[in-house]
């Protein structure tokens, strides 16, 4: 299977170690990290965007693992295409 660039968008609580846990999933899943962007959200959380190369299986597993992290509110995944949310996978933590 060929790895393609995926975009993961996460809403994460601002808690000690939260960013390290997100990066830990990227490392453990051996995703080909291309870009990581973190910005403050209006509700006091962080909006995190991870662009990484992954196969379908790796991407699906990474999404489930992002969702399972203690400080992640929501996690969704889509293709790299700018602004494309149609057809994206989404999961809510909770």
PDB file of N, CA and C in Angstrom:
ATOM      1  N   UNK A   1       0.823  -1.185   0.000  1.00  0.00           N
ATOM      2  CA  UNK A   1       0.000   0.000   0.000  1.00  0.00           C
ATOM      3  C   UNK A   1       0.868   1.250   0.000  1.00  0.00           C
ATOM      4  N   UNK A   2       0.416   2.259  -0.686  1.00  0.00           N
ATOM      5  CA  UNK A   2       1.152   3.504  -0.774  1.00  0.00           C
ATOM      6  C   UNK A   2       0.652   4.491   0.270  1.00  0.00           C
ATOM      7  N   UNK A   3       1.596   5.139   0.916  1.00  0.00           N
ATOM      8  CA  UNK A   3       1.238   6.165   1.899  1.00  0.00           C
ATOM      9  C   UNK A   3       0.885   7.450   1.167  1.00  0.00           C
ATOM     10  N   UNK A   4      -0.194   8.082   1.592  1.00  0.00           N
ATOM     11  CA  UNK A   4      -0.588   9.383   1.060  1.00  0.00           C
ATOM     12  C   UNK A   4      -0.664  10.374   2.216  1.00  0.00           C
ATOM     13  N   UNK A   5      -0.580  11.647   1.891  1.00  0.00           N
ATOM     14  CA  UNK A   5      -0.626  12.661   2.939  1.00  0.00           C
ATOM     15  C   UNK A   5      -2.039  12.796   3.476  1.00  0.00           C
ATOM     16  N   UNK A   6      -2.161  12.710   4.780  1.00  0.00           N
ATOM     17  CA  UNK A   6      -3.441  12.863   5.480  1.00  0.00           C
ATOM     18  C   UNK A   6      -3.350  14.079   6.377  1.00  0.00           C
ATOM     19  N   UNK A   7      -4.494  14.684   6.626  1.00  0.00           N
ATOM     20  CA  UNK A   7      -4.567  15.793   7.567  1.00  0.00           C
ATOM     21  C   UNK A   7      -5.433  15.376   8.744  1.00  0.00           C
ATOM     22  N   UNK A   8      -4.855  15.414   9.921  1.00  0.00           N
ATOM     23  CA  UNK A   8      -5.583  15.136  11.156  1.00  0.00           C
ATOM     24  C   UNK A   8      -5.816  16.470  11.841  1.00  0.00           C
ATOM     25  N   UNK A   9      -7.056  16.720  12.250  1.00  0.00           N
ATOM     26  CA  UNK A   9      -7.393  17.951  12.970  1.00  0.00           C
ATOM     27  C   UNK A   9      -7.918  17.549  14.347  1.00  0.00           C
ATOM     28  N   UNK A  10      -7.267  18.095  15.363  1.00  0.00           N
ATOM     29  CA  UNK A  10      -7.604  17.736  16.732  1.00  0.00           C
ATOM     30  C   UNK A  10      -7.960  18.974  17.536  1.00  0.00           C
ATOM     31  N   UNK A  11      -8.911  18.823  18.435  1.00  0.00           N
ATOM     32  CA  UNK A  11      -9.189  19.834  19.449  1.00  0.00           C
ATOM     33  C   UNK A  11      -8.722  19.221  20.760  1.00  0.00           C
ATOM     34  N   UNK A  12      -7.750  19.891  21.405  1.00  0.00           N
ATOM     35  CA  UNK A  12      -7.073  19.306  22.555  1.00  0.00           C
ATOM     36  C   UNK A  12      -7.094  20.282  23.730  1.00  0.00           C
ATOM     37  N   UNK A  13      -7.420  19.763  24.907  1.00  0.00           N
ATOM     38  CA  UNK A  13      -7.370  20.566  26.135  1.00  0.00           C
ATOM     39  C   UNK A  13      -5.945  21.054  26.362  1.00  0.00           C
ATOM     40  N   UNK A  14      -5.818  22.250  26.885  1.00  0.00           N
ATOM     41  CA  UNK A  14      -4.491  22.773  27.238  1.00  0.00           C
ATOM     42  C   UNK A  14      -4.086  22.178  28.580  1.00  0.00           C
ATOM     43  N   UNK A  15      -3.426  21.058  28.525  1.00  0.00           N
ATOM     44  CA  UNK A  15      -3.004  20.369  29.743  1.00  0.00           C
ATOM     45  C   UNK A  15      -1.537  19.982  29.603  1.00  0.00           C
ATOM     46  N   UNK A  16      -0.887  19.892  30.737  1.00  0.00           N
ATOM     47  CA  UNK A  16       0.525  19.507  30.730  1.00  0.00           C
ATOM     48  C   UNK A  16       0.695  18.141  30.073  1.00  0.00           C
ATOM     49  N   UNK A  17       1.587  18.066  29.094  1.00  0.00           N
ATOM     50  CA  UNK A  17       1.873  16.807  28.420  1.00  0.00           C
ATOM     51  C   UNK A  17       0.970  16.482  27.247  1.00  0.00           C
ATOM     52  N   UNK A  18      -0.056  17.296  26.990  1.00  0.00           N
ATOM     53  CA  UNK A  18      -1.008  16.977  25.924  1.00  0.00           C
ATOM     54  C   UNK A  18      -0.336  16.945  24.546  1.00  0.00           C
ATOM     55  N   UNK A  19       0.502  17.933  24.258  1.00  0.00           N
ATOM     56  CA  UNK A  19       1.173  17.956  22.958  1.00  0.00           C
ATOM     57  C   UNK A  19       2.135  16.781  22.806  1.00  0.00           C
ATOM     58  N   UNK A  20       2.811  16.436  23.879  1.00  0.00           N
ATOM     59  CA  UNK A  20       3.720  15.284  23.834  1.00  0.00           C
ATOM     60  C   UNK A  20       2.965  13.991  23.547  1.00  0.00           C
ATOM     61  N   UNK A  21       1.770  13.857  24.101  1.00  0.00           N
ATOM     62  CA  UNK A  21       0.971  12.648  23.847  1.00  0.00           C
ATOM     63  C   UNK A  21       0.539  12.582  22.387  1.00  0.00           C
ATOM     64  N   UNK A  22       0.158  13.725  21.809  1.00  0.00           N
ATOM     65  CA  UNK A  22      -0.215  13.755  20.390  1.00  0.00           C
ATOM     66  C   UNK A  22       0.990  13.355  19.536  1.00  0.00           C
ATOM     67  N   UNK A  23       2.144  13.944  19.817  1.00  0.00           N
ATOM     68  CA  UNK A  23       3.355  13.601  19.066  1.00  0.00           C
ATOM     69  C   UNK A  23       3.763  12.148  19.281  1.00  0.00           C
ATOM     70  N   UNK A  24       3.464  11.610  20.447  1.00  0.00           N
ATOM     71  CA  UNK A  24       3.755  10.207  20.717  1.00  0.00           C
ATOM     72  C   UNK A  24       3.001   9.274  19.788  1.00  0.00           C
ATOM     73  N   UNK A  25       1.754   9.607  19.472  1.00  0.00           N
ATOM     74  CA  UNK A  25       0.985   8.793  18.518  1.00  0.00           C
ATOM     75  C   UNK A  25       1.642   8.852  17.144  1.00  0.00           C
ATOM     76  N   UNK A  26       2.045  10.044  16.728  1.00  0.00           N
ATOM     77  CA  UNK A  26       2.717  10.195  15.426  1.00  0.00           C
ATOM     78  C   UNK A  26       3.968   9.325  15.390  1.00  0.00           C
ATOM     79  N   UNK A  27       4.737   9.355  16.458  1.00  0.00           N
ATOM     80  CA  UNK A  27       5.981   8.577  16.515  1.00  0.00           C
ATOM     81  C   UNK A  27       5.709   7.079  16.551  1.00  0.00           C
ATOM     82  N   UNK A  28       4.797   6.639  17.435  1.00  0.00           N
ATOM     83  CA  UNK A  28       4.516   5.205  17.567  1.00  0.00           C
ATOM     84  C   UNK A  28       3.927   4.608  16.299  1.00  0.00           C
ATOM     85  N   UNK A  29       3.107   5.374  15.590  1.00  0.00           N
ATOM     86  CA  UNK A  29       2.495   4.888  14.354  1.00  0.00           C
ATOM     87  C   UNK A  29       3.440   5.053  13.165  1.00  0.00           C
ATOM     88  N   UNK A  30       4.608   5.650  13.421  1.00  0.00           N
ATOM     89  CA  UNK A  30       5.620   5.850  12.389  1.00  0.00           C
ATOM     90  C   UNK A  30       5.061   6.621  11.192  1.00  0.00           C
ATOM     91  N   UNK A  31       4.257   7.641  11.485  1.00  0.00           N
ATOM     92  CA  UNK A  31       3.690   8.470  10.424  1.00  0.00           C
ATOM     93  C   UNK A  31       4.779   9.388   9.888  1.00  0.00           C
ATOM     94  N   UNK A  32       4.748   9.639   8.601  1.00  0.00           N
ATOM     95  CA  UNK A  32       5.726  10.529   7.976  1.00  0.00           C
ATOM     96  C   UNK A  32       5.324  11.977   8.181  1.00  0.00           C
ATOM     97  N   UNK A  33       5.678  12.550   9.316  1.00  0.00           N
ATOM     98  CA  UNK A  33       5.263  13.908   9.670  1.00  0.00           C
ATOM     99  C   UNK A  33       5.787  14.913   8.657  1.00  0.00           C
ATOM    100  N   UNK A  34       4.871  15.673   8.079  1.00  0.00           N
ATOM    101  CA  UNK A  34       5.220  16.714   7.118  1.00  0.00           C
ATOM    102  C   UNK A  34       5.027  18.110   7.698  1.00  0.00           C
ATOM    103  N   UNK A  35       4.006  18.263   8.535  1.00  0.00           N
ATOM    104  CA  UNK A  35       3.717  19.577   9.110  1.00  0.00           C
ATOM    105  C   UNK A  35       2.905  19.391  10.391  1.00  0.00           C
ATOM    106  N   UNK A  36       3.224  20.222  11.384  1.00  0.00           N
ATOM    107  CA  UNK A  36       2.476  20.247  12.635  1.00  0.00           C
ATOM    108  C   UNK A  36       2.187  21.702  12.947  1.00  0.00           C
ATOM    109  N   UNK A  37       0.915  22.029  13.132  1.00  0.00           N
ATOM    110  CA  UNK A  37       0.516  23.396  13.453  1.00  0.00           C
ATOM    111  C   UNK A  37      -0.352  23.380  14.704  1.00  0.00           C
ATOM    112  N   UNK A  38      -0.046  24.275  15.624  1.00  0.00           N
ATOM    113  CA  UNK A  38      -0.810  24.395  16.865  1.00  0.00           C
ATOM    114  C   UNK A  38      -1.235  25.845  17.004  1.00  0.00           C
ATOM    115  N   UNK A  39      -2.520  26.068  17.249  1.00  0.00           N
ATOM    116  CA  UNK A  39      -3.009  27.428  17.449  1.00  0.00           C
ATOM    117  C   UNK A  39      -4.050  27.418  18.563  1.00  0.00           C
ATOM    118  N   UNK A  40      -4.196  28.541  19.259  1.00  0.00           N
ATOM    119  CA  UNK A  40      -5.177  28.607  20.336  1.00  0.00           C
ATOM    120  C   UNK A  40      -6.595  28.657  19.764  1.00  0.00           C
ATOM    121  N   UNK A  41      -7.490  27.958  20.412  1.00  0.00           N
ATOM    122  CA  UNK A  41      -8.904  28.001  20.038  1.00  0.00           C
ATOM    123  C   UNK A  41      -9.613  29.021  20.923  1.00  0.00           C
ATOM    124  N   UNK A  42     -10.774  29.471  20.492  1.00  0.00           N
ATOM    125  CA  UNK A  42     -11.522  30.468  21.263  1.00  0.00           C
ATOM    126  C   UNK A  42     -11.970  29.948  22.619  1.00  0.00           C
ATOM    127  N   UNK A  43     -12.156  28.640  22.730  1.00  0.00           N
ATOM    128  CA  UNK A  43     -12.664  28.058  23.979  1.00  0.00           C
ATOM    129  C   UNK A  43     -11.559  27.674  24.957  1.00  0.00           C
ATOM    130  N   UNK A  44     -10.328  28.101  24.684  1.00  0.00           N
ATOM    131  CA  UNK A  44      -9.229  27.813  25.588  1.00  0.00           C
ATOM    132  C   UNK A  44      -8.490  26.529  25.295  1.00  0.00           C
ATOM    133  N   UNK A  45      -8.912  25.796  24.295  1.00  0.00           N
ATOM    134  CA  UNK A  45      -8.216  24.567  23.907  1.00  0.00           C
ATOM    135  C   UNK A  45      -7.165  24.908  22.852  1.00  0.00           C
ATOM    136  N   UNK A  46      -6.500  23.885  22.337  1.00  0.00           N
ATOM    137  CA  UNK A  46      -5.606  24.031  21.195  1.00  0.00           C
ATOM    138  C   UNK A  46      -6.254  23.386  19.988  1.00  0.00           C
ATOM    139  N   UNK A  47      -6.127  24.018  18.846  1.00  0.00           N
ATOM    140  CA  UNK A  47      -6.454  23.396  17.568  1.00  0.00           C
ATOM    141  C   UNK A  47      -5.137  22.909  16.995  1.00  0.00           C
ATOM    142  N   UNK A  48      -5.055  21.615  16.769  1.00  0.00           N
ATOM    143  CA  UNK A  48      -3.817  21.014  16.263  1.00  0.00           C
ATOM    144  C   UNK A  48      -4.093  20.404  14.902  1.00  0.00           C
ATOM    145  N   UNK A  49      -3.222  20.708  13.965  1.00  0.00           N
ATOM    146  CA  UNK A  49      -3.315  20.134  12.623  1.00  0.00           C
ATOM    147  C   UNK A  49      -2.020  19.380  12.355  1.00  0.00           C
ATOM    148  N   UNK A  50      -2.155  18.099  12.047  1.00  0.00           N
ATOM    149  CA  UNK A  50      -1.017  17.246  11.748  1.00  0.00           C
ATOM    150  C   UNK A  50      -1.159  16.778  10.308  1.00  0.00           C
ATOM    151  N   UNK A  51      -0.171  17.075   9.474  1.00  0.00           N
ATOM    152  CA  UNK A  51      -0.126  16.544   8.117  1.00  0.00           C
ATOM    153  C   UNK A  51       0.960  15.495   8.089  1.00  0.00           C
ATOM    154  N   UNK A  52       0.582  14.275   7.697  1.00  0.00           N
ATOM    155  CA  UNK A  52       1.530  13.171   7.734  1.00  0.00           C
ATOM    156  C   UNK A  52       1.193  12.153   6.654  1.00  0.00           C
ATOM    157  N   UNK A  53       2.226  11.493   6.153  1.00  0.00           N
ATOM    158  CA  UNK A  53       2.045  10.427   5.176  1.00  0.00           C
ATOM    159  C   UNK A  53       1.686   9.144   5.914  1.00  0.00           C
ATOM    160  N   UNK A  54       0.623   8.471   5.432  1.00  0.00           N
ATOM    161  CA  UNK A  54       0.183   7.232   6.071  1.00  0.00           C
ATOM    162  C   UNK A  54      -0.636   6.420   5.089  1.00  0.00           C
ATOM    163  N   UNK A  55      -0.607   5.103   5.244  1.00  0.00           N
ATOM    164  CA  UNK A  55      -1.492   4.233   4.480  1.00  0.00           C
ATOM    165  C   UNK A  55      -2.886   4.325   5.093  1.00  0.00           C
ATOM    166  N   UNK A  56      -3.870   3.757   4.443  1.00  0.00           N
ATOM    167  CA  UNK A  56      -5.236   3.778   4.983  1.00  0.00           C
ATOM    168  C   UNK A  56      -5.294   3.148   6.373  1.00  0.00           C
ATOM    169  N   UNK A  57      -4.651   2.000   6.522  1.00  0.00           N
ATOM    170  CA  UNK A  57      -4.671   1.308   7.809  1.00  0.00           C
ATOM    171  C   UNK A  57      -3.979   2.098   8.905  1.00  0.00           C
ATOM    172  N   UNK A  58      -2.798   2.634   8.601  1.00  0.00           N
ATOM    173  CA  UNK A  58      -2.065   3.436   9.584  1.00  0.00           C
ATOM    174  C   UNK A  58      -2.863   4.669   9.987  1.00  0.00           C
ATOM    175  N   UNK A  59      -3.491   5.323   9.006  1.00  0.00           N
ATOM    176  CA  UNK A  59      -4.250   6.538   9.273  1.00  0.00           C
ATOM    177  C   UNK A  59      -5.460   6.241  10.156  1.00  0.00           C
ATOM    178  N   UNK A  60      -6.166   5.166   9.869  1.00  0.00           N
ATOM    179  CA  UNK A  60      -7.328   4.795  10.671  1.00  0.00           C
ATOM    180  C   UNK A  60      -6.949   4.476  12.108  1.00  0.00           C
ATOM    181  N   UNK A  61      -5.850   3.751  12.274  1.00  0.00           N
ATOM    182  CA  UNK A  61      -5.384   3.416  13.616  1.00  0.00           C
ATOM    183  C   UNK A  61      -4.923   4.667  14.360  1.00  0.00           C
ATOM    184  N   UNK A  62      -4.215   5.555  13.672  1.00  0.00           N
ATOM    185  CA  UNK A  62      -3.770   6.807  14.299  1.00  0.00           C
ATOM    186  C   UNK A  62      -4.970   7.629  14.749  1.00  0.00           C
ATOM    187  N   UNK A  63      -6.015   7.710  13.918  1.00  0.00           N
ATOM    188  CA  UNK A  63      -7.215   8.466  14.291  1.00  0.00           C
ATOM    189  C   UNK A  63      -7.835   7.891  15.561  1.00  0.00           C
ATOM    190  N   UNK A  64      -7.945   6.571  15.644  1.00  0.00           N
ATOM    191  CA  UNK A  64      -8.504   5.947  16.853  1.00  0.00           C
ATOM    192  C   UNK A  64      -7.624   6.232  18.070  1.00  0.00           C
ATOM    193  N   UNK A  65      -6.308   6.222  17.878  1.00  0.00           N
ATOM    194  CA  UNK A  65      -5.416   6.484  19.002  1.00  0.00           C
ATOM    195  C   UNK A  65      -5.445   7.951  19.418  1.00  0.00           C
ATOM    196  N   UNK A  66      -5.534   8.872  18.453  1.00  0.00           N
ATOM    197  CA  UNK A  66      -5.693  10.285  18.813  1.00  0.00           C
ATOM    198  C   UNK A  66      -6.960  10.463  19.646  1.00  0.00           C
ATOM    199  N   UNK A  67      -8.036   9.849  19.212  1.00  0.00           N
ATOM    200  CA  UNK A  67      -9.325   9.980  19.897  1.00  0.00           C
ATOM    201  C   UNK A  67      -9.271   9.443  21.324  1.00  0.00           C
ATOM    202  N   UNK A  68      -8.474   8.411  21.537  1.00  0.00           N
ATOM    203  CA  UNK A  68      -8.389   7.782  22.858  1.00  0.00           C
ATOM    204  C   UNK A  68      -7.526   8.574  23.849  1.00  0.00           C
ATOM    205  N   UNK A  69      -6.767   9.544  23.371  1.00  0.00           N
ATOM    206  CA  UNK A  69      -5.926  10.323  24.278  1.00  0.00           C
ATOM    207  C   UNK A  69      -6.788  11.116  25.254  1.00  0.00           C
ATOM    208  N   UNK A  70      -6.328  11.204  26.486  1.00  0.00           N
ATOM    209  CA  UNK A  70      -7.116  11.786  27.566  1.00  0.00           C
ATOM    210  C   UNK A  70      -7.523  13.243  27.320  1.00  0.00           C
ATOM    211  N   UNK A  71      -6.681  14.045  26.700  1.00  0.00           N
ATOM    212  CA  UNK A  71      -6.971  15.468  26.544  1.00  0.00           C
ATOM    213  C   UNK A  71      -7.593  15.834  25.201  1.00  0.00           C
ATOM    214  N   UNK A  72      -7.830  14.850  24.342  1.00  0.00           N
ATOM    215  CA  UNK A  72      -8.388  15.134  23.013  1.00  0.00           C
ATOM    216  C   UNK A  72      -9.909  15.208  23.103  1.00  0.00           C
ATOM    217  N   UNK A  73     -10.470  16.345  22.680  1.00  0.00           N
ATOM    218  CA  UNK A  73     -11.927  16.522  22.648  1.00  0.00           C
ATOM    219  C   UNK A  73     -12.501  15.883  21.393  1.00  0.00           C
ATOM    220  N   UNK A  74     -11.940  16.255  20.242  1.00  0.00           N
ATOM    221  CA  UNK A  74     -12.384  15.691  18.963  1.00  0.00           C
ATOM    222  C   UNK A  74     -11.181  15.449  18.080  1.00  0.00           C
ATOM    223  N   UNK A  75     -11.324  14.500  17.181  1.00  0.00           N
ATOM    224  CA  UNK A  75     -10.282  14.203  16.200  1.00  0.00           C
ATOM    225  C   UNK A  75     -10.975  13.849  14.889  1.00  0.00           C
ATOM    226  N   UNK A  76     -10.459  14.405  13.810  1.00  0.00           N
ATOM    227  CA  UNK A  76     -11.001  14.067  12.490  1.00  0.00           C
ATOM    228  C   UNK A  76      -9.865  13.989  11.497  1.00  0.00           C
ATOM    229  N   UNK A  77     -10.131  13.324  10.396  1.00  0.00           N
ATOM    230  CA  UNK A  77      -9.104  13.108   9.399  1.00  0.00           C
ATOM    231  C   UNK A  77      -9.689  13.328   8.016  1.00  0.00           C
ATOM    232  N   UNK A  78      -8.892  13.901   7.154  1.00  0.00           N
ATOM    233  CA  UNK A  78      -9.315  14.087   5.781  1.00  0.00           C
ATOM    234  C   UNK A  78      -8.104  14.132   4.870  1.00  0.00           C
ATOM    235  N   UNK A  79      -8.329  14.218   3.575  1.00  0.00           N
ATOM    236  CA  UNK A  79      -7.212  14.353   2.644  1.00  0.00           C
ATOM    237  C   UNK A  79      -6.569  15.714   2.801  1.00  0.00           C
ATOM    238  N   UNK A  80      -5.417  15.897   2.201  1.00  0.00           N
ATOM    239  CA  UNK A  80      -4.676  17.143   2.353  1.00  0.00           C
ATOM    240  C   UNK A  80      -5.363  18.321   1.676  1.00  0.00           C
ATOM    241  N   UNK A  81      -6.241  18.079   0.734  1.00  0.00           N
ATOM    242  CA  UNK A  81      -6.873  19.165  -0.022  1.00  0.00           C
ATOM    243  C   UNK A  81      -7.358  20.256   0.914  1.00  0.00           C
ATOM    244  N   UNK A  82      -7.025  21.499   0.599  1.00  0.00           N
ATOM    245  CA  UNK A  82      -7.347  22.619   1.481  1.00  0.00           C
ATOM    246  C   UNK A  82      -8.843  22.778   1.654  1.00  0.00           C
ATOM    247  N   UNK A  83      -9.255  22.864   2.913  1.00  0.00           N
ATOM    248  CA  UNK A  83     -10.648  23.111   3.244  1.00  0.00           C
ATOM    249  C   UNK A  83     -11.582  21.945   2.988  1.00  0.00           C
ATOM    250  N   UNK A  84     -11.069  20.801   2.571  1.00  0.00           N
ATOM    251  CA  UNK A  84     -11.939  19.672   2.251  1.00  0.00           C
ATOM    252  C   UNK A  84     -12.363  18.972   3.524  1.00  0.00           C
ATOM    253  N   UNK A  85     -13.640  19.008   3.822  1.00  0.00           N
ATOM    254  CA  UNK A  85     -14.139  18.270   4.971  1.00  0.00           C
ATOM    255  C   UNK A  85     -15.143  17.223   4.541  1.00  0.00           C
ATOM    256  N   UNK A  86     -15.618  17.298   3.312  1.00  0.00           N
ATOM    257  CA  UNK A  86     -16.543  16.300   2.805  1.00  0.00           C
ATOM    258  C   UNK A  86     -15.823  14.973   2.718  1.00  0.00           C
ATOM    259  N   UNK A  87     -16.469  13.943   3.240  1.00  0.00           N
ATOM    260  CA  UNK A  87     -15.894  12.619   3.175  1.00  0.00           C
ATOM    261  C   UNK A  87     -14.828  12.363   4.225  1.00  0.00           C
ATOM    262  N   UNK A  88     -14.668  13.265   5.182  1.00  0.00           N
ATOM    263  CA  UNK A  88     -13.646  13.057   6.203  1.00  0.00           C
ATOM    264  C   UNK A  88     -14.206  12.169   7.305  1.00  0.00           C
ATOM    265  N   UNK A  89     -13.290  11.468   7.967  1.00  0.00           N
ATOM    266  CA  UNK A  89     -13.666  10.670   9.121  1.00  0.00           C
ATOM    267  C   UNK A  89     -13.610  11.578  10.329  1.00  0.00           C
ATOM    268  N   UNK A  90     -14.496  11.303  11.297  1.00  0.00           N
ATOM    269  CA  UNK A  90     -14.493  12.112  12.507  1.00  0.00           C
ATOM    270  C   UNK A  90     -14.801  11.228  13.691  1.00  0.00           C
ATOM    271  N   UNK A  91     -14.181  11.531  14.807  1.00  0.00           N
ATOM    272  CA  UNK A  91     -14.432  10.803  16.037  1.00  0.00           C
ATOM    273  C   UNK A  91     -14.416  11.783  17.184  1.00  0.00           C
ATOM    274  N   UNK A  92     -15.291  11.547  18.163  1.00  0.00           N
ATOM    275  CA  UNK A  92     -15.327  12.402  19.353  1.00  0.00           C
ATOM    276  C   UNK A  92     -14.847  11.593  20.537  1.00  0.00           C
ATOM    277  N   UNK A  93     -14.020  12.219  21.322  1.00  0.00           N
ATOM    278  CA  UNK A  93     -13.564  11.593  22.547  1.00  0.00           C
ATOM    279  C   UNK A  93     -14.647  11.746  23.601  1.00  0.00           C
ATOM    280  N   UNK A  94     -14.646  10.845  24.525  1.00  0.00           N
ATOM    281  CA  UNK A  94     -15.603  11.107  25.565  1.00  0.00           C
ATOM    282  C   UNK A  94     -16.028   9.925  26.261  1.00  0.00           C
TER     283      UNK A  94
END
